[in-house]
Amino acid sequence: MGREDEKGRKESIREAATRVISRKGYFQTRPKEIAQEAGISVGTIYNYYGSKQEILLDIFHEEFADRRGLYEELSKGDLPLIDQIKKILERHFSRLSNHKELMAVIIQERFKPGSKLGRELNRSYGEVIYYIKRLIRQALEEDQIRECDPSIVASALFGAVESTIAFGILKDRGGEDDIFEKAPEELAEFFWNGVKKADQEE
């Protein structure tokens, strides 16, 4: 099997796993159900992944690769910082709305002692903060915003996003879609009010 065929098969497995986990939850999902969703045998899954957790890690790696592409695109453009942050948040929350169960796994595993998934997530999240910090530093160099510490501000924005996600995921079901729909605008404005210069308009 060629590399393109292998890549296509892994993508098919990831997409099937995402759909099943989003319906049933990670811990209730079995490899057999993923195989049925993908239209393949369970044995075929194990040709590519050693465990269900490896599939989940691959899903997250692909998600972060998508984010990385957006950050690189934004860093090469000339959009004001506030618009860059809005685009990042809109992409993040739009994808999240369709994969709430996956995000629930992230919340559960992120800080669990000894969790391999948690370690991988923290490494990827460190990369997200790095890219946001880079955008903030670029805005500072272009005199778009007040003097600030990019590391602290990037971490604060990331923390606000995480808290909003946790609130939406863990609250009583039914209102999370409204929260995720409003979050990009609200968080972007919250961020901008913290970094704009005193004489800048909204």
N, C-alpha and C. Protein backbone atom coordinates (compact mmCIF):
# COMPACT_ATOMS: atom_id res chain seq x y z
N MET A 1 0.85 -1.20 0.00
CA MET A 1 0.00 0.00 0.00
C MET A 1 0.88 1.25 0.00
N GLY A 2 0.58 2.21 -0.87
CA GLY A 2 1.37 3.42 -0.95
C GLY A 2 1.10 4.36 0.20
N ARG A 3 1.96 5.38 0.32
CA ARG A 3 1.83 6.34 1.42
C ARG A 3 0.50 7.09 1.35
N GLU A 4 0.05 7.42 0.13
CA GLU A 4 -1.22 8.14 -0.01
C GLU A 4 -2.38 7.27 0.43
N ASP A 5 -2.33 5.97 0.07
CA ASP A 5 -3.38 5.05 0.49
C ASP A 5 -3.40 4.90 2.00
N GLU A 6 -2.20 4.79 2.59
CA GLU A 6 -2.10 4.66 4.04
C GLU A 6 -2.62 5.92 4.73
N LYS A 7 -2.27 7.08 4.19
CA LYS A 7 -2.74 8.34 4.76
C LYS A 7 -4.26 8.43 4.69
N GLY A 8 -4.83 7.99 3.54
CA GLY A 8 -6.28 8.02 3.38
C GLY A 8 -6.98 7.07 4.32
N ARG A 9 -6.39 5.90 4.56
CA ARG A 9 -7.01 4.94 5.47
C ARG A 9 -6.98 5.45 6.90
N LYS A 10 -5.86 6.05 7.31
CA LYS A 10 -5.78 6.59 8.66
C LYS A 10 -6.77 7.75 8.84
N GLU A 11 -6.92 8.56 7.82
CA GLU A 11 -7.88 9.66 7.89
C GLU A 11 -9.29 9.12 8.03
N SER A 12 -9.60 8.04 7.32
CA SER A 12 -10.92 7.42 7.40
C SER A 12 -11.18 6.89 8.82
N ILE A 13 -10.16 6.30 9.43
CA ILE A 13 -10.30 5.78 10.79
C ILE A 13 -10.49 6.91 11.78
N ARG A 14 -9.70 7.98 11.62
CA ARG A 14 -9.82 9.13 12.51
C ARG A 14 -11.22 9.74 12.44
N GLU A 15 -11.71 9.93 11.22
CA GLU A 15 -13.03 10.53 11.05
C GLU A 15 -14.12 9.65 11.65
N ALA A 16 -14.00 8.33 11.45
CA ALA A 16 -14.98 7.41 12.02
C ALA A 16 -14.93 7.45 13.55
N ALA A 17 -13.72 7.46 14.10
CA ALA A 17 -13.56 7.51 15.56
C ALA A 17 -14.15 8.80 16.12
N THR A 18 -13.93 9.91 15.43
CA THR A 18 -14.46 11.20 15.88
C THR A 18 -15.98 11.16 15.93
N ARG A 19 -16.60 10.59 14.90
CA ARG A 19 -18.06 10.52 14.86
C ARG A 19 -18.60 9.64 15.99
N VAL A 20 -17.98 8.49 16.19
CA VAL A 20 -18.48 7.56 17.21
C VAL A 20 -18.27 8.14 18.61
N ILE A 21 -17.09 8.68 18.85
CA ILE A 21 -16.81 9.26 20.17
C ILE A 21 -17.73 10.43 20.45
N SER A 22 -18.02 11.24 19.42
CA SER A 22 -18.90 12.38 19.60
C SER A 22 -20.32 11.95 19.95
N ARG A 23 -20.70 10.76 19.47
CA ARG A 23 -22.04 10.24 19.79
C ARG A 23 -22.09 9.55 21.15
N LYS A 24 -21.06 8.74 21.44
CA LYS A 24 -21.14 7.85 22.60
C LYS A 24 -20.25 8.26 23.76
N GLY A 25 -19.23 9.07 23.50
CA GLY A 25 -18.24 9.36 24.52
C GLY A 25 -17.03 8.45 24.35
N TYR A 26 -15.88 8.92 24.75
CA TYR A 26 -14.63 8.19 24.54
C TYR A 26 -14.60 6.85 25.27
N PHE A 27 -14.95 6.87 26.54
CA PHE A 27 -14.80 5.67 27.35
C PHE A 27 -15.84 4.59 27.01
N GLN A 28 -16.93 4.98 26.37
CA GLN A 28 -17.94 4.00 25.97
C GLN A 28 -17.69 3.46 24.55
N THR A 29 -16.78 4.08 23.83
CA THR A 29 -16.51 3.67 22.44
C THR A 29 -15.57 2.48 22.40
N ARG A 30 -15.91 1.51 21.55
CA ARG A 30 -15.07 0.32 21.38
C ARG A 30 -14.47 0.32 19.97
N PRO A 31 -13.25 -0.23 19.82
CA PRO A 31 -12.63 -0.30 18.49
C PRO A 31 -13.54 -0.95 17.44
N LYS A 32 -14.34 -1.93 17.86
CA LYS A 32 -15.25 -2.60 16.93
C LYS A 32 -16.24 -1.60 16.33
N GLU A 33 -16.72 -0.67 17.15
CA GLU A 33 -17.69 0.33 16.68
C GLU A 33 -17.03 1.31 15.71
N ILE A 34 -15.77 1.64 15.97
CA ILE A 34 -15.04 2.51 15.05
C ILE A 34 -14.86 1.81 13.71
N ALA A 35 -14.52 0.53 13.78
CA ALA A 35 -14.33 -0.25 12.55
C ALA A 35 -15.62 -0.31 11.74
N GLN A 36 -16.74 -0.55 12.42
CA GLN A 36 -18.03 -0.61 11.73
C GLN A 36 -18.35 0.73 11.08
N GLU A 37 -18.08 1.82 11.78
CA GLU A 37 -18.33 3.16 11.26
C GLU A 37 -17.49 3.43 10.02
N ALA A 38 -16.25 2.93 10.03
CA ALA A 38 -15.33 3.17 8.92
C ALA A 38 -15.51 2.16 7.79
N GLY A 39 -16.29 1.10 8.04
CA GLY A 39 -16.51 0.08 7.01
C GLY A 39 -15.30 -0.82 6.80
N ILE A 40 -14.57 -1.08 7.89
CA ILE A 40 -13.37 -1.94 7.81
C ILE A 40 -13.42 -2.95 8.95
N SER A 41 -12.44 -3.84 8.98
CA SER A 41 -12.36 -4.81 10.07
C SER A 41 -11.59 -4.22 11.24
N VAL A 42 -11.80 -4.78 12.42
CA VAL A 42 -11.05 -4.33 13.60
C VAL A 42 -9.56 -4.56 13.38
N GLY A 43 -9.22 -5.66 12.72
CA GLY A 43 -7.82 -5.95 12.46
C GLY A 43 -7.14 -4.87 11.64
N THR A 44 -7.89 -4.27 10.72
CA THR A 44 -7.32 -3.19 9.91
C THR A 44 -6.95 -1.99 10.77
N ILE A 45 -7.79 -1.69 11.76
CA ILE A 45 -7.47 -0.59 12.68
C ILE A 45 -6.12 -0.82 13.34
N TYR A 46 -5.90 -2.08 13.78
CA TYR A 46 -4.66 -2.38 14.50
C TYR A 46 -3.45 -2.44 13.58
N ASN A 47 -3.67 -2.39 12.28
CA ASN A 47 -2.54 -2.24 11.36
C ASN A 47 -1.96 -0.83 11.42
N TYR A 48 -2.78 0.12 11.90
CA TYR A 48 -2.37 1.52 11.93
C TYR A 48 -2.24 2.08 13.34
N TYR A 49 -3.01 1.55 14.26
CA TYR A 49 -3.01 2.08 15.62
C TYR A 49 -2.92 0.93 16.63
N GLY A 50 -2.13 1.14 17.66
CA GLY A 50 -1.98 0.10 18.67
C GLY A 50 -3.09 0.08 19.70
N SER A 51 -3.83 1.19 19.80
CA SER A 51 -4.88 1.27 20.81
C SER A 51 -5.85 2.40 20.46
N LYS A 52 -6.96 2.42 21.18
CA LYS A 52 -7.93 3.50 21.00
C LYS A 52 -7.31 4.84 21.38
N GLN A 53 -6.44 4.83 22.39
CA GLN A 53 -5.80 6.08 22.80
C GLN A 53 -4.91 6.63 21.69
N GLU A 54 -4.24 5.76 20.95
CA GLU A 54 -3.40 6.21 19.84
C GLU A 54 -4.24 6.89 18.76
N ILE A 55 -5.43 6.38 18.52
CA ILE A 55 -6.33 7.03 17.56
C ILE A 55 -6.68 8.43 18.05
N LEU A 56 -7.00 8.53 19.34
CA LEU A 56 -7.37 9.82 19.91
C LEU A 56 -6.21 10.81 19.81
N LEU A 57 -5.00 10.35 20.10
CA LEU A 57 -3.83 11.21 20.00
C LEU A 57 -3.63 11.69 18.56
N ASP A 58 -3.86 10.82 17.61
CA ASP A 58 -3.71 11.20 16.21
C ASP A 58 -4.76 12.24 15.81
N ILE A 59 -5.98 12.09 16.33
CA ILE A 59 -7.03 13.08 16.08
C ILE A 59 -6.58 14.45 16.58
N PHE A 60 -6.05 14.49 17.79
CA PHE A 60 -5.61 15.77 18.35
C PHE A 60 -4.42 16.34 17.59
N HIS A 61 -3.50 15.46 17.16
CA HIS A 61 -2.35 15.95 16.40
C HIS A 61 -2.80 16.60 15.09
N GLU A 62 -3.79 16.01 14.45
CA GLU A 62 -4.31 16.59 13.21
C GLU A 62 -5.01 17.92 13.47
N GLU A 63 -5.74 17.99 14.58
CA GLU A 63 -6.41 19.24 14.94
C GLU A 63 -5.39 20.35 15.17
N PHE A 64 -4.32 20.02 15.87
CA PHE A 64 -3.31 21.03 16.15
C PHE A 64 -2.53 21.41 14.90
N ALA A 65 -2.38 20.47 13.98
CA ALA A 65 -1.73 20.79 12.70
C ALA A 65 -2.57 21.80 11.93
N ASP A 66 -3.90 21.66 12.01
CA ASP A 66 -4.80 22.63 11.37
C ASP A 66 -4.63 24.00 12.00
N ARG A 67 -4.56 24.04 13.34
CA ARG A 67 -4.37 25.32 14.03
C ARG A 67 -3.03 25.95 13.62
N ARG A 68 -2.00 25.12 13.54
CA ARG A 68 -0.67 25.62 13.19
C ARG A 68 -0.69 26.31 11.84
N GLY A 69 -1.40 25.70 10.89
CA GLY A 69 -1.50 26.30 9.57
C GLY A 69 -2.17 27.66 9.62
N LEU A 70 -3.21 27.80 10.45
CA LEU A 70 -3.89 29.09 10.58
C LEU A 70 -2.98 30.13 11.21
N TYR A 71 -2.23 29.75 12.25
CA TYR A 71 -1.32 30.70 12.90
C TYR A 71 -0.27 31.21 11.92
N GLU A 72 0.28 30.29 11.14
CA GLU A 72 1.31 30.68 10.18
C GLU A 72 0.73 31.63 9.14
N GLU A 73 -0.48 31.34 8.69
CA GLU A 73 -1.14 32.20 7.71
C GLU A 73 -1.38 33.60 8.28
N LEU A 74 -1.83 33.67 9.52
CA LEU A 74 -2.11 34.96 10.14
C LEU A 74 -0.83 35.77 10.37
N SER A 75 0.24 35.08 10.75
CA SER A 75 1.49 35.79 11.05
C SER A 75 2.09 36.43 9.80
N LYS A 76 1.70 35.94 8.62
CA LYS A 76 2.24 36.48 7.37
C LYS A 76 1.34 37.57 6.78
N GLY A 77 0.15 37.75 7.37
CA GLY A 77 -0.79 38.74 6.85
C GLY A 77 -0.63 40.09 7.54
N ASP A 78 -1.58 40.97 7.28
CA ASP A 78 -1.51 42.31 7.86
C ASP A 78 -2.77 42.67 8.65
N LEU A 79 -3.49 41.65 9.11
CA LEU A 79 -4.69 41.91 9.91
C LEU A 79 -4.30 42.48 11.28
N PRO A 80 -5.10 43.41 11.82
CA PRO A 80 -4.86 43.87 13.19
C PRO A 80 -4.96 42.69 14.16
N LEU A 81 -4.30 42.81 15.30
CA LEU A 81 -4.27 41.71 16.27
C LEU A 81 -5.67 41.27 16.68
N ILE A 82 -6.58 42.19 16.92
CA ILE A 82 -7.93 41.83 17.36
C ILE A 82 -8.62 40.93 16.34
N ASP A 83 -8.41 41.19 15.05
CA ASP A 83 -9.03 40.37 14.01
C ASP A 83 -8.35 39.00 13.91
N GLN A 84 -7.06 38.96 14.15
CA GLN A 84 -6.36 37.67 14.16
C GLN A 84 -6.88 36.79 15.28
N ILE A 85 -7.03 37.39 16.47
CA ILE A 85 -7.53 36.62 17.61
C ILE A 85 -8.95 36.13 17.37
N LYS A 86 -9.79 36.96 16.77
CA LYS A 86 -11.16 36.54 16.45
C LYS A 86 -11.17 35.35 15.51
N LYS A 87 -10.31 35.37 14.50
CA LYS A 87 -10.25 34.26 13.54
C LYS A 87 -9.81 32.97 14.23
N ILE A 88 -8.83 33.09 15.12
CA ILE A 88 -8.37 31.91 15.86
C ILE A 88 -9.50 31.34 16.71
N LEU A 89 -10.19 32.22 17.42
CA LEU A 89 -11.27 31.77 18.31
C LEU A 89 -12.46 31.22 17.52
N GLU A 90 -12.78 31.84 16.40
CA GLU A 90 -13.89 31.35 15.58
C GLU A 90 -13.60 29.95 15.06
N ARG A 91 -12.36 29.72 14.58
CA ARG A 91 -12.00 28.38 14.10
C ARG A 91 -12.08 27.38 15.24
N HIS A 92 -11.55 27.76 16.39
CA HIS A 92 -11.51 26.85 17.53
C HIS A 92 -12.90 26.44 17.99
N PHE A 93 -13.77 27.42 18.19
CA PHE A 93 -15.09 27.11 18.75
C PHE A 93 -16.02 26.49 17.72
N SER A 94 -15.82 26.80 16.43
CA SER A 94 -16.68 26.17 15.42
C SER A 94 -16.39 24.68 15.33
N ARG A 95 -15.14 24.29 15.43
CA ARG A 95 -14.80 22.86 15.40
C ARG A 95 -15.21 22.18 16.70
N LEU A 96 -15.08 22.90 17.78
CA LEU A 96 -15.45 22.34 19.08
C LEU A 96 -16.93 22.00 19.16
N SER A 97 -17.77 22.82 18.55
CA SER A 97 -19.22 22.61 18.63
C SER A 97 -19.64 21.24 18.11
N ASN A 98 -18.86 20.70 17.17
CA ASN A 98 -19.21 19.41 16.59
C ASN A 98 -18.55 18.23 17.31
N HIS A 99 -17.67 18.53 18.27
CA HIS A 99 -16.91 17.46 18.92
C HIS A 99 -16.85 17.66 20.42
N LYS A 100 -17.99 17.86 21.04
CA LYS A 100 -18.02 18.15 22.47
C LYS A 100 -17.50 16.99 23.30
N GLU A 101 -17.81 15.77 22.90
CA GLU A 101 -17.37 14.62 23.68
C GLU A 101 -15.84 14.50 23.67
N LEU A 102 -15.22 14.84 22.53
CA LEU A 102 -13.76 14.83 22.46
C LEU A 102 -13.18 15.87 23.41
N MET A 103 -13.81 17.03 23.46
CA MET A 103 -13.32 18.07 24.34
C MET A 103 -13.50 17.67 25.81
N ALA A 104 -14.55 16.93 26.11
CA ALA A 104 -14.75 16.45 27.47
C ALA A 104 -13.60 15.53 27.88
N VAL A 105 -13.10 14.72 26.94
CA VAL A 105 -11.96 13.86 27.22
C VAL A 105 -10.73 14.70 27.54
N ILE A 106 -10.53 15.76 26.77
CA ILE A 106 -9.39 16.64 27.01
C ILE A 106 -9.44 17.19 28.43
N ILE A 107 -10.63 17.67 28.83
CA ILE A 107 -10.78 18.25 30.17
C ILE A 107 -10.46 17.21 31.24
N GLN A 108 -10.90 15.97 31.02
CA GLN A 108 -10.68 14.91 32.00
C GLN A 108 -9.22 14.47 32.06
N GLU A 109 -8.56 14.42 30.91
CA GLU A 109 -7.21 13.86 30.83
C GLU A 109 -6.09 14.88 31.00
N ARG A 110 -6.39 16.15 30.76
CA ARG A 110 -5.34 17.17 30.70
C ARG A 110 -4.44 17.18 31.93
N PHE A 111 -5.03 17.11 33.11
CA PHE A 111 -4.24 17.23 34.34
C PHE A 111 -4.21 15.94 35.15
N LYS A 112 -4.57 14.83 34.51
CA LYS A 112 -4.55 13.55 35.23
C LYS A 112 -3.10 13.08 35.38
N PRO A 113 -2.64 12.81 36.61
CA PRO A 113 -1.25 12.38 36.82
C PRO A 113 -0.92 11.12 36.02
N GLY A 114 0.19 11.14 35.31
CA GLY A 114 0.65 9.96 34.59
C GLY A 114 -0.04 9.69 33.27
N SER A 115 -0.93 10.58 32.85
CA SER A 115 -1.68 10.35 31.61
C SER A 115 -0.82 10.68 30.39
N LYS A 116 -0.62 9.69 29.53
CA LYS A 116 0.13 9.93 28.29
C LYS A 116 -0.58 10.96 27.43
N LEU A 117 -1.90 10.83 27.35
CA LEU A 117 -2.70 11.79 26.59
C LEU A 117 -2.53 13.19 27.17
N GLY A 118 -2.56 13.30 28.50
CA GLY A 118 -2.39 14.60 29.15
C GLY A 118 -1.05 15.22 28.81
N ARG A 119 0.02 14.42 28.79
CA ARG A 119 1.35 14.94 28.45
C ARG A 119 1.39 15.46 27.02
N GLU A 120 0.79 14.70 26.11
CA GLU A 120 0.76 15.12 24.71
C GLU A 120 -0.06 16.40 24.53
N LEU A 121 -1.17 16.46 25.23
CA LEU A 121 -2.01 17.66 25.14
C LEU A 121 -1.27 18.89 25.66
N ASN A 122 -0.58 18.73 26.78
CA ASN A 122 0.15 19.87 27.34
C ASN A 122 1.26 20.33 26.41
N ARG A 123 1.89 19.39 25.72
CA ARG A 123 2.93 19.76 24.76
C ARG A 123 2.31 20.55 23.60
N SER A 124 1.18 20.07 23.11
CA SER A 124 0.51 20.76 22.00
C SER A 124 -0.02 22.12 22.43
N TYR A 125 -0.57 22.20 23.64
CA TYR A 125 -1.08 23.47 24.13
C TYR A 125 0.05 24.48 24.33
N GLY A 126 1.23 23.98 24.72
CA GLY A 126 2.37 24.87 24.83
C GLY A 126 2.71 25.50 23.49
N GLU A 127 2.52 24.72 22.43
CA GLU A 127 2.76 25.24 21.08
C GLU A 127 1.73 26.30 20.70
N VAL A 128 0.47 26.08 21.09
CA VAL A 128 -0.58 27.07 20.82
C VAL A 128 -0.24 28.40 21.50
N ILE A 129 0.16 28.33 22.77
CA ILE A 129 0.51 29.54 23.50
C ILE A 129 1.70 30.24 22.83
N TYR A 130 2.65 29.45 22.34
CA TYR A 130 3.82 30.03 21.65
C TYR A 130 3.37 30.86 20.44
N TYR A 131 2.45 30.31 19.64
CA TYR A 131 2.01 31.03 18.43
C TYR A 131 1.23 32.29 18.79
N ILE A 132 0.38 32.21 19.81
CA ILE A 132 -0.35 33.40 20.23
C ILE A 132 0.62 34.46 20.74
N LYS A 133 1.62 34.02 21.51
CA LYS A 133 2.65 34.94 22.02
C LYS A 133 3.37 35.62 20.85
N ARG A 134 3.62 34.86 19.80
CA ARG A 134 4.31 35.42 18.65
C ARG A 134 3.47 36.51 17.96
N LEU A 135 2.15 36.26 17.87
CA LEU A 135 1.26 37.27 17.29
C LEU A 135 1.23 38.54 18.14
N ILE A 136 1.23 38.36 19.46
CA ILE A 136 1.22 39.51 20.37
C ILE A 136 2.52 40.29 20.25
N ARG A 137 3.63 39.55 20.18
CA ARG A 137 4.93 40.23 20.04
C ARG A 137 5.00 41.02 18.74
N GLN A 138 4.44 40.45 17.67
CA GLN A 138 4.42 41.14 16.39
C GLN A 138 3.58 42.42 16.48
N ALA A 139 2.44 42.34 17.19
CA ALA A 139 1.60 43.53 17.36
C ALA A 139 2.32 44.60 18.17
N LEU A 140 3.11 44.18 19.14
CA LEU A 140 3.91 45.13 19.93
C LEU A 140 4.92 45.85 19.04
N GLU A 141 5.58 45.08 18.19
CA GLU A 141 6.59 45.66 17.30
C GLU A 141 5.97 46.66 16.33
N GLU A 142 4.69 46.42 15.99
CA GLU A 142 3.99 47.31 15.06
C GLU A 142 3.23 48.42 15.80
N ASP A 143 3.43 48.49 17.12
CA ASP A 143 2.82 49.53 17.95
C ASP A 143 1.29 49.51 17.90
N GLN A 144 0.71 48.31 17.78
CA GLN A 144 -0.75 48.17 17.75
C GLN A 144 -1.36 48.19 19.14
N ILE A 145 -0.58 47.77 20.16
CA ILE A 145 -1.12 47.56 21.50
C ILE A 145 -0.20 48.19 22.55
N ARG A 146 -0.69 48.24 23.76
CA ARG A 146 0.10 48.80 24.87
C ARG A 146 1.27 47.86 25.18
N GLU A 147 2.24 48.35 25.94
CA GLU A 147 3.33 47.52 26.40
C GLU A 147 2.79 46.43 27.32
N CYS A 148 3.21 45.20 27.09
CA CYS A 148 2.76 44.08 27.92
C CYS A 148 3.76 42.94 27.81
N ASP A 149 3.58 41.93 28.64
CA ASP A 149 4.41 40.73 28.58
C ASP A 149 3.68 39.71 27.72
N PRO A 150 4.17 39.42 26.51
CA PRO A 150 3.46 38.50 25.60
C PRO A 150 3.20 37.12 26.19
N SER A 151 4.14 36.62 27.00
CA SER A 151 3.96 35.29 27.58
C SER A 151 2.77 35.26 28.55
N ILE A 152 2.69 36.28 29.40
CA ILE A 152 1.60 36.33 30.38
C ILE A 152 0.26 36.55 29.68
N VAL A 153 0.23 37.47 28.73
CA VAL A 153 -1.03 37.78 28.04
C VAL A 153 -1.52 36.58 27.23
N ALA A 154 -0.60 35.89 26.53
CA ALA A 154 -0.98 34.71 25.74
C ALA A 154 -1.51 33.61 26.66
N SER A 155 -0.86 33.40 27.79
CA SER A 155 -1.31 32.38 28.75
C SER A 155 -2.67 32.74 29.34
N ALA A 156 -2.88 34.04 29.59
CA ALA A 156 -4.16 34.48 30.15
C ALA A 156 -5.30 34.26 29.16
N LEU A 157 -5.06 34.58 27.88
CA LEU A 157 -6.08 34.35 26.87
C LEU A 157 -6.38 32.86 26.74
N PHE A 158 -5.34 32.04 26.73
CA PHE A 158 -5.53 30.60 26.62
C PHE A 158 -6.32 30.07 27.81
N GLY A 159 -5.99 30.58 29.01
CA GLY A 159 -6.72 30.15 30.20
C GLY A 159 -8.19 30.54 30.15
N ALA A 160 -8.48 31.73 29.62
CA ALA A 160 -9.87 32.17 29.50
C ALA A 160 -10.64 31.27 28.53
N VAL A 161 -9.98 30.88 27.45
CA VAL A 161 -10.61 29.98 26.47
C VAL A 161 -10.90 28.63 27.12
N GLU A 162 -9.91 28.09 27.82
CA GLU A 162 -10.10 26.79 28.48
C GLU A 162 -11.24 26.83 29.49
N SER A 163 -11.30 27.90 30.27
CA SER A 163 -12.35 28.01 31.28
C SER A 163 -13.73 28.08 30.63
N THR A 164 -13.82 28.80 29.52
CA THR A 164 -15.10 28.91 28.81
C THR A 164 -15.52 27.56 28.25
N ILE A 165 -14.55 26.82 27.70
CA ILE A 165 -14.84 25.48 27.18
C ILE A 165 -15.33 24.56 28.30
N ALA A 166 -14.62 24.58 29.42
CA ALA A 166 -15.00 23.72 30.55
C ALA A 166 -16.40 24.07 31.04
N PHE A 167 -16.70 25.35 31.13
CA PHE A 167 -18.03 25.78 31.56
C PHE A 167 -19.11 25.26 30.60
N GLY A 168 -18.84 25.38 29.29
CA GLY A 168 -19.81 24.93 28.31
C GLY A 168 -19.99 23.42 28.30
N ILE A 169 -18.88 22.69 28.47
CA ILE A 169 -18.94 21.23 28.43
C ILE A 169 -19.55 20.65 29.70
N LEU A 170 -19.21 21.20 30.84
CA LEU A 170 -19.59 20.60 32.11
C LEU A 170 -20.92 21.09 32.66
N LYS A 171 -21.45 22.18 32.09
CA LYS A 171 -22.74 22.68 32.59
C LYS A 171 -23.86 21.76 32.12
N ASP A 172 -25.05 21.99 32.63
CA ASP A 172 -26.20 21.20 32.20
C ASP A 172 -26.35 21.31 30.68
N ARG A 173 -26.58 20.18 30.04
CA ARG A 173 -26.70 20.16 28.59
C ARG A 173 -27.87 21.02 28.12
N GLY A 174 -27.67 21.65 26.97
CA GLY A 174 -28.74 22.42 26.37
C GLY A 174 -28.34 23.84 26.03
N GLY A 175 -27.42 24.42 26.79
CA GLY A 175 -27.04 25.80 26.54
C GLY A 175 -25.64 25.98 26.02
N GLU A 176 -24.89 24.87 25.85
CA GLU A 176 -23.50 25.00 25.45
C GLU A 176 -23.33 25.57 24.04
N ASP A 177 -24.26 25.26 23.14
CA ASP A 177 -24.15 25.77 21.77
C ASP A 177 -24.20 27.29 21.76
N ASP A 178 -25.05 27.86 22.59
CA ASP A 178 -25.15 29.31 22.68
C ASP A 178 -23.86 29.91 23.22
N ILE A 179 -23.28 29.25 24.21
CA ILE A 179 -22.01 29.71 24.78
C ILE A 179 -20.91 29.68 23.73
N PHE A 180 -20.80 28.58 23.00
CA PHE A 180 -19.73 28.44 22.02
C PHE A 180 -19.92 29.38 20.83
N GLU A 181 -21.16 29.71 20.54
CA GLU A 181 -21.43 30.65 19.45
C GLU A 181 -21.01 32.07 19.83
N LYS A 182 -21.26 32.45 21.08
CA LYS A 182 -20.94 33.80 21.54
C LYS A 182 -19.48 33.96 21.96
N ALA A 183 -18.82 32.86 22.30
CA ALA A 183 -17.49 32.92 22.90
C ALA A 183 -16.44 33.66 22.07
N PRO A 184 -16.32 33.42 20.75
CA PRO A 184 -15.26 34.12 20.00
C PRO A 184 -15.33 35.63 20.11
N GLU A 185 -16.51 36.20 19.93
CA GLU A 185 -16.67 37.65 20.01
C GLU A 185 -16.41 38.17 21.42
N GLU A 186 -17.00 37.49 22.40
CA GLU A 186 -16.86 37.95 23.79
C GLU A 186 -15.41 37.86 24.25
N LEU A 187 -14.74 36.75 23.96
CA LEU A 187 -13.37 36.58 24.42
C LEU A 187 -12.41 37.49 23.68
N ALA A 188 -12.65 37.71 22.39
CA ALA A 188 -11.80 38.62 21.62
C ALA A 188 -11.90 40.04 22.16
N GLU A 189 -13.12 40.48 22.48
CA GLU A 189 -13.31 41.82 23.03
C GLU A 189 -12.69 41.93 24.42
N PHE A 190 -12.86 40.88 25.21
CA PHE A 190 -12.26 40.83 26.55
C PHE A 190 -10.74 40.96 26.45
N PHE A 191 -10.16 40.22 25.52
CA PHE A 191 -8.71 40.27 25.28
C PHE A 191 -8.29 41.67 24.82
N TRP A 192 -9.02 42.21 23.84
CA TRP A 192 -8.64 43.50 23.26
C TRP A 192 -8.71 44.62 24.31
N ASN A 193 -9.72 44.60 25.15
CA ASN A 193 -9.84 45.62 26.19
C ASN A 193 -8.67 45.57 27.17
N GLY A 194 -8.03 44.41 27.25
CA GLY A 194 -6.88 44.29 28.15
C GLY A 194 -5.57 44.74 27.54
N VAL A 195 -5.47 44.77 26.21
CA VAL A 195 -4.18 45.09 25.58
C VAL A 195 -4.18 46.37 24.75
N LYS A 196 -5.35 46.93 24.48
CA LYS A 196 -5.38 48.12 23.65
C LYS A 196 -4.78 49.31 24.40
N LYS A 197 -4.33 50.28 23.66
CA LYS A 197 -3.81 51.51 24.24
C LYS A 197 -4.96 52.35 24.80
N ALA A 198 -4.65 53.20 25.74
CA ALA A 198 -5.69 54.00 26.39
C ALA A 198 -6.46 54.87 25.42
N ASP A 199 -5.81 55.31 24.33
CA ASP A 199 -6.46 56.23 23.40
C ASP A 199 -7.08 55.52 22.20
N GLN A 200 -7.10 54.16 22.23
CA GLN A 200 -7.68 53.41 21.12
C GLN A 200 -9.16 53.19 21.31
N GLU A 201 -9.91 53.26 20.20
CA GLU A 201 -11.33 52.97 20.26
C GLU A 201 -11.54 51.48 20.24
N GLU A 202 -12.79 51.07 20.51
CA GLU A 202 -13.16 49.65 20.45
C GLU A 202 -12.89 49.09 19.06
